[in-house]
PDB file of N, CA and C in Angstrom:
ATOM      1  N   MET A   1       0.841  -1.174   0.000  1.00  0.00           N
ATOM      2  CA  MET A   1       0.000   0.000   0.000  1.00  0.00           C
ATOM      3  C   MET A   1       0.890   1.242   0.000  1.00  0.00           C
ATOM      4  N   ALA A   2       0.577   2.188  -0.853  1.00  0.00           N
ATOM      5  CA  ALA A   2       1.352   3.427  -0.939  1.00  0.00           C
ATOM      6  C   ALA A   2       1.016   4.309   0.259  1.00  0.00           C
ATOM      7  N   GLN A   3       2.023   4.973   0.784  1.00  0.00           N
ATOM      8  CA  GLN A   3       1.817   5.880   1.903  1.00  0.00           C
ATOM      9  C   GLN A   3       1.369   7.235   1.383  1.00  0.00           C
ATOM     10  N   THR A   4       0.410   7.829   2.064  1.00  0.00           N
ATOM     11  CA  THR A   4      -0.073   9.150   1.706  1.00  0.00           C
ATOM     12  C   THR A   4       0.937  10.197   2.153  1.00  0.00           C
ATOM     13  N   GLN A   5       1.190  11.164   1.299  1.00  0.00           N
ATOM     14  CA  GLN A   5       2.115  12.241   1.635  1.00  0.00           C
ATOM     15  C   GLN A   5       1.498  13.151   2.696  1.00  0.00           C
ATOM     16  N   PHE A   6       2.360  13.817   3.438  1.00  0.00           N
ATOM     17  CA  PHE A   6       1.894  14.764   4.446  1.00  0.00           C
ATOM     18  C   PHE A   6       1.431  16.044   3.765  1.00  0.00           C
ATOM     19  N   ALA A   7       0.309  16.584   4.226  1.00  0.00           N
ATOM     20  CA  ALA A   7      -0.265  17.796   3.639  1.00  0.00           C
ATOM     21  C   ALA A   7       0.582  19.031   3.943  1.00  0.00           C
ATOM     22  N   ASP A   8       1.210  19.067   5.116  1.00  0.00           N
ATOM     23  CA  ASP A   8       2.049  20.218   5.461  1.00  0.00           C
ATOM     24  C   ASP A   8       3.172  19.791   6.403  1.00  0.00           C
ATOM     25  N   HIS A   9       4.108  20.711   6.612  1.00  0.00           N
ATOM     26  CA  HIS A   9       5.280  20.390   7.428  1.00  0.00           C
ATOM     27  C   HIS A   9       4.935  20.157   8.887  1.00  0.00           C
ATOM     28  N   ARG A  10       3.862  20.764   9.359  1.00  0.00           N
ATOM     29  CA  ARG A  10       3.466  20.579  10.758  1.00  0.00           C
ATOM     30  C   ARG A  10       3.038  19.145  11.014  1.00  0.00           C
ATOM     31  N   GLN A  11       2.268  18.563  10.106  1.00  0.00           N
ATOM     32  CA  GLN A  11       1.850  17.166  10.248  1.00  0.00           C
ATOM     33  C   GLN A  11       3.048  16.224  10.188  1.00  0.00           C
ATOM     34  N   ALA A  12       3.970  16.507   9.288  1.00  0.00           N
ATOM     35  CA  ALA A  12       5.166  15.675   9.149  1.00  0.00           C
ATOM     36  C   ALA A  12       6.011  15.725  10.422  1.00  0.00           C
ATOM     37  N   ALA A  13       6.193  16.924  10.974  1.00  0.00           N
ATOM     38  CA  ALA A  13       6.981  17.073  12.197  1.00  0.00           C
ATOM     39  C   ALA A  13       6.319  16.342  13.363  1.00  0.00           C
ATOM     40  N   LEU A  14       5.015  16.457  13.484  1.00  0.00           N
ATOM     41  CA  LEU A  14       4.303  15.768  14.565  1.00  0.00           C
ATOM     42  C   LEU A  14       4.403  14.254  14.428  1.00  0.00           C
ATOM     43  N   ALA A  15       4.366  13.754  13.206  1.00  0.00           N
ATOM     44  CA  ALA A  15       4.499  12.312  12.989  1.00  0.00           C
ATOM     45  C   ALA A  15       5.867  11.823  13.461  1.00  0.00           C
ATOM     46  N   LEU A  16       6.895  12.575  13.170  1.00  0.00           N
ATOM     47  CA  LEU A  16       8.244  12.198  13.614  1.00  0.00           C
ATOM     48  C   LEU A  16       8.377  12.292  15.137  1.00  0.00           C
ATOM     49  N   LEU A  17       7.803  13.336  15.720  1.00  0.00           N
ATOM     50  CA  LEU A  17       7.905  13.520  17.167  1.00  0.00           C
ATOM     51  C   LEU A  17       7.078  12.494  17.940  1.00  0.00           C
ATOM     52  N   SER A  18       5.931  12.110  17.418  1.00  0.00           N
ATOM     53  CA  SER A  18       5.042  11.210  18.151  1.00  0.00           C
ATOM     54  C   SER A  18       5.322   9.736  17.877  1.00  0.00           C
ATOM     55  N   GLY A  19       6.126   9.464  16.870  1.00  0.00           N
ATOM     56  CA  GLY A  19       6.473   8.077  16.572  1.00  0.00           C
ATOM     57  C   GLY A  19       7.606   7.602  17.462  1.00  0.00           C
ATOM     58  N   ASN A  20       7.909   6.343  17.340  1.00  0.00           N
ATOM     59  CA  ASN A  20       8.986   5.757  18.137  1.00  0.00           C
ATOM     60  C   ASN A  20      10.291   5.799  17.337  1.00  0.00           C
ATOM     61  N   TYR A  21      10.726   7.017  16.990  1.00  0.00           N
ATOM     62  CA  TYR A  21      11.916   7.204  16.172  1.00  0.00           C
ATOM     63  C   TYR A  21      13.055   7.749  17.029  1.00  0.00           C
ATOM     64  N   LYS A  22      14.235   7.259  16.774  1.00  0.00           N
ATOM     65  CA  LYS A  22      15.410   7.756  17.498  1.00  0.00           C
ATOM     66  C   LYS A  22      15.840   9.071  16.848  1.00  0.00           C
ATOM     67  N   LEU A  23      15.689  10.159  17.594  1.00  0.00           N
ATOM     68  CA  LEU A  23      16.021  11.489  17.103  1.00  0.00           C
ATOM     69  C   LEU A  23      17.080  12.114  17.999  1.00  0.00           C
ATOM     70  N   THR A  24      17.928  12.925  17.415  1.00  0.00           N
ATOM     71  CA  THR A  24      18.887  13.677  18.216  1.00  0.00           C
ATOM     72  C   THR A  24      18.159  14.841  18.887  1.00  0.00           C
ATOM     73  N   LEU A  25      18.782  15.409  19.893  1.00  0.00           N
ATOM     74  CA  LEU A  25      18.209  16.572  20.562  1.00  0.00           C
ATOM     75  C   LEU A  25      18.011  17.710  19.561  1.00  0.00           C
ATOM     76  N   LYS A  26      18.984  17.916  18.700  1.00  0.00           N
ATOM     77  CA  LYS A  26      18.900  18.979  17.694  1.00  0.00           C
ATOM     78  C   LYS A  26      17.724  18.743  16.746  1.00  0.00           C
ATOM     79  N   ALA A  27      17.544  17.498  16.305  1.00  0.00           N
ATOM     80  CA  ALA A  27      16.428  17.170  15.415  1.00  0.00           C
ATOM     81  C   ALA A  27      15.094  17.352  16.140  1.00  0.00           C
ATOM     82  N   GLY A  28      15.037  16.957  17.408  1.00  0.00           N
ATOM     83  CA  GLY A  28      13.814  17.127  18.191  1.00  0.00           C
ATOM     84  C   GLY A  28      13.436  18.589  18.362  1.00  0.00           C
ATOM     85  N   GLN A  29      14.430  19.420  18.609  1.00  0.00           N
ATOM     86  CA  GLN A  29      14.173  20.854  18.736  1.00  0.00           C
ATOM     87  C   GLN A  29      13.686  21.442  17.416  1.00  0.00           C
ATOM     88  N   PHE A  30      14.311  21.035  16.331  1.00  0.00           N
ATOM     89  CA  PHE A  30      13.919  21.490  14.999  1.00  0.00           C
ATOM     90  C   PHE A  30      12.475  21.082  14.703  1.00  0.00           C
ATOM     91  N   LEU A  31      12.141  19.826  14.958  1.00  0.00           N
ATOM     92  CA  LEU A  31      10.789  19.341  14.687  1.00  0.00           C
ATOM     93  C   LEU A  31       9.757  20.001  15.590  1.00  0.00           C
ATOM     94  N   GLY A  32      10.116  20.250  16.838  1.00  0.00           N
ATOM     95  CA  GLY A  32       9.212  20.950  17.746  1.00  0.00           C
ATOM     96  C   GLY A  32       8.886  22.339  17.241  1.00  0.00           C
ATOM     97  N   GLN A  33       9.891  23.021  16.723  1.00  0.00           N
ATOM     98  CA  GLN A  33       9.672  24.356  16.149  1.00  0.00           C
ATOM     99  C   GLN A  33       8.752  24.259  14.932  1.00  0.00           C
ATOM    100  N   LEU A  34       9.009  23.290  14.061  1.00  0.00           N
ATOM    101  CA  LEU A  34       8.180  23.144  12.861  1.00  0.00           C
ATOM    102  C   LEU A  34       6.735  22.817  13.212  1.00  0.00           C
ATOM    103  N   ALA A  35       6.539  22.057  14.287  1.00  0.00           N
ATOM    104  CA  ALA A  35       5.191  21.640  14.663  1.00  0.00           C
ATOM    105  C   ALA A  35       4.320  22.810  15.101  1.00  0.00           C
ATOM    106  N   ILE A  36       4.927  23.872  15.610  1.00  0.00           N
ATOM    107  CA  ILE A  36       4.112  24.986  16.110  1.00  0.00           C
ATOM    108  C   ILE A  36       4.134  26.222  15.222  1.00  0.00           C
ATOM    109  N   VAL A  37       5.090  26.303  14.302  1.00  0.00           N
ATOM    110  CA  VAL A  37       5.211  27.485  13.446  1.00  0.00           C
ATOM    111  C   VAL A  37       4.596  27.183  12.079  1.00  0.00           C
ATOM    112  N   ALA A  38       3.643  27.996  11.684  1.00  0.00           N
ATOM    113  CA  ALA A  38       2.948  27.761  10.420  1.00  0.00           C
ATOM    114  C   ALA A  38       3.612  28.443   9.224  1.00  0.00           C
ATOM    115  N   SER A  39       4.629  29.257   9.463  1.00  0.00           N
ATOM    116  CA  SER A  39       5.257  29.973   8.353  1.00  0.00           C
ATOM    117  C   SER A  39       5.952  28.996   7.400  1.00  0.00           C
ATOM    118  N   PRO A  40       6.113  29.387   6.135  1.00  0.00           N
ATOM    119  CA  PRO A  40       6.746  28.508   5.142  1.00  0.00           C
ATOM    120  C   PRO A  40       8.172  28.132   5.528  1.00  0.00           C
ATOM    121  N   LEU A  41       8.590  26.977   5.053  1.00  0.00           N
ATOM    122  CA  LEU A  41       9.937  26.489   5.323  1.00  0.00           C
ATOM    123  C   LEU A  41      10.950  27.146   4.397  1.00  0.00           C
ATOM    124  N   SER A  42      12.147  27.320   4.908  1.00  0.00           N
ATOM    125  CA  SER A  42      13.247  27.742   4.044  1.00  0.00           C
ATOM    126  C   SER A  42      13.703  26.518   3.253  1.00  0.00           C
ATOM    127  N   VAL A  43      14.559  26.729   2.292  1.00  0.00           N
ATOM    128  CA  VAL A  43      15.086  25.620   1.498  1.00  0.00           C
ATOM    129  C   VAL A  43      15.839  24.647   2.400  1.00  0.00           C
ATOM    130  N   ALA A  44      16.649  25.171   3.318  1.00  0.00           N
ATOM    131  CA  ALA A  44      17.427  24.321   4.223  1.00  0.00           C
ATOM    132  C   ALA A  44      16.521  23.525   5.158  1.00  0.00           C
ATOM    133  N   GLN A  45      15.469  24.159   5.684  1.00  0.00           N
ATOM    134  CA  GLN A  45      14.534  23.457   6.564  1.00  0.00           C
ATOM    135  C   GLN A  45      13.808  22.347   5.814  1.00  0.00           C
ATOM    136  N   ALA A  46      13.342  22.654   4.607  1.00  0.00           N
ATOM    137  CA  ALA A  46      12.639  21.653   3.804  1.00  0.00           C
ATOM    138  C   ALA A  46      13.542  20.466   3.493  1.00  0.00           C
ATOM    139  N   ASP A  47      14.814  20.752   3.231  1.00  0.00           N
ATOM    140  CA  ASP A  47      15.772  19.691   2.928  1.00  0.00           C
ATOM    141  C   ASP A  47      15.994  18.800   4.146  1.00  0.00           C
ATOM    142  N   TRP A  48      16.171  19.406   5.313  1.00  0.00           N
ATOM    143  CA  TRP A  48      16.412  18.618   6.526  1.00  0.00           C
ATOM    144  C   TRP A  48      15.181  17.785   6.874  1.00  0.00           C
ATOM    145  N   LEU A  49      14.000  18.375   6.776  1.00  0.00           N
ATOM    146  CA  LEU A  49      12.768  17.630   7.062  1.00  0.00           C
ATOM    147  C   LEU A  49      12.631  16.455   6.100  1.00  0.00           C
ATOM    148  N   ALA A  50      12.891  16.675   4.828  1.00  0.00           N
ATOM    149  CA  ALA A  50      12.809  15.595   3.836  1.00  0.00           C
ATOM    150  C   ALA A  50      13.778  14.463   4.179  1.00  0.00           C
ATOM    151  N   LYS A  51      14.986  14.822   4.616  1.00  0.00           N
ATOM    152  CA  LYS A  51      15.978  13.802   4.996  1.00  0.00           C
ATOM    153  C   LYS A  51      15.514  13.005   6.208  1.00  0.00           C
ATOM    154  N   LEU A  52      14.932  13.682   7.203  1.00  0.00           N
ATOM    155  CA  LEU A  52      14.436  12.983   8.384  1.00  0.00           C
ATOM    156  C   LEU A  52      13.284  12.053   8.039  1.00  0.00           C
ATOM    157  N   LEU A  53      12.359  12.512   7.204  1.00  0.00           N
ATOM    158  CA  LEU A  53      11.234  11.668   6.797  1.00  0.00           C
ATOM    159  C   LEU A  53      11.733  10.443   6.051  1.00  0.00           C
ATOM    160  N   ASN A  54      12.646  10.639   5.128  1.00  0.00           N
ATOM    161  CA  ASN A  54      13.196   9.535   4.346  1.00  0.00           C
ATOM    162  C   ASN A  54      13.941   8.546   5.242  1.00  0.00           C
ATOM    163  N   LYS A  55      14.757   9.061   6.154  1.00  0.00           N
ATOM    164  CA  LYS A  55      15.550   8.221   7.051  1.00  0.00           C
ATOM    165  C   LYS A  55      14.677   7.286   7.877  1.00  0.00           C
ATOM    166  N   HIS A  56      13.502   7.760   8.261  1.00  0.00           N
ATOM    167  CA  HIS A  56      12.626   6.980   9.122  1.00  0.00           C
ATOM    168  C   HIS A  56      11.487   6.305   8.352  1.00  0.00           C
ATOM    169  N   GLY A  57      11.570   6.292   7.032  1.00  0.00           N
ATOM    170  CA  GLY A  57      10.613   5.573   6.210  1.00  0.00           C
ATOM    171  C   GLY A  57       9.224   6.166   6.160  1.00  0.00           C
ATOM    172  N   LEU A  58       9.131   7.466   6.356  1.00  0.00           N
ATOM    173  CA  LEU A  58       7.841   8.151   6.307  1.00  0.00           C
ATOM    174  C   LEU A  58       7.656   8.814   4.944  1.00  0.00           C
ATOM    175  N   PRO A  59       6.391   9.055   4.558  1.00  0.00           N
ATOM    176  CA  PRO A  59       6.160   9.717   3.268  1.00  0.00           C
ATOM    177  C   PRO A  59       6.665  11.150   3.260  1.00  0.00           C
ATOM    178  N   SER A  60       6.826  11.682   2.078  1.00  0.00           N
ATOM    179  CA  SER A  60       7.311  13.053   1.913  1.00  0.00           C
ATOM    180  C   SER A  60       6.172  14.057   2.052  1.00  0.00           C
ATOM    181  N   LEU A  61       6.536  15.334   1.954  1.00  0.00           N
ATOM    182  CA  LEU A  61       5.519  16.394   1.925  1.00  0.00           C
ATOM    183  C   LEU A  61       4.835  16.380   0.567  1.00  0.00           C
ATOM    184  N   ALA A  62       3.562  16.701   0.536  1.00  0.00           N
ATOM    185  CA  ALA A  62       2.798  16.731  -0.706  1.00  0.00           C
ATOM    186  C   ALA A  62       3.287  17.838  -1.628  1.00  0.00           C
ATOM    187  N   ARG A  63       3.750  18.940  -1.043  1.00  0.00           N
ATOM    188  CA  ARG A  63       4.281  20.048  -1.834  1.00  0.00           C
ATOM    189  C   ARG A  63       5.364  20.735  -1.020  1.00  0.00           C
ATOM    190  N   GLN A  64       6.223  21.416  -1.708  1.00  0.00           N
ATOM    191  CA  GLN A  64       7.280  22.161  -1.020  1.00  0.00           C
ATOM    192  C   GLN A  64       6.765  23.547  -0.728  1.00  0.00           C
ATOM    193  N   GLU A  65       6.472  23.820   0.523  1.00  0.00           N
ATOM    194  CA  GLU A  65       5.897  25.092   0.940  1.00  0.00           C
ATOM    195  C   GLU A  65       6.904  26.225   0.860  1.00  0.00           C
ATOM    196  N   GLY A  66       6.481  27.324   0.299  1.00  0.00           N
ATOM    197  CA  GLY A  66       7.284  28.531   0.300  1.00  0.00           C
ATOM    198  C   GLY A  66       8.508  28.491  -0.585  1.00  0.00           C
ATOM    199  N   LEU A  67       8.640  27.471  -1.388  1.00  0.00           N
ATOM    200  CA  LEU A  67       9.826  27.370  -2.239  1.00  0.00           C
ATOM    201  C   LEU A  67       9.496  27.666  -3.679  1.00  0.00           C
TER     202      LEU A  67
END
């Protein structure tokens, strides 16, 4: 079954934070910020989030916000 992409970065960040994934303190802080801030992601933020989602086998974002 294909995984549905995340509609926005906040949902993706919450999925990583609420799952049983091994995250560094830095990654946890980054994801916590993304979960509460609705502003568009920078290119660097979008890249890091995409890498974290891929690393943990989660679907990607449906669209690249603000890019």
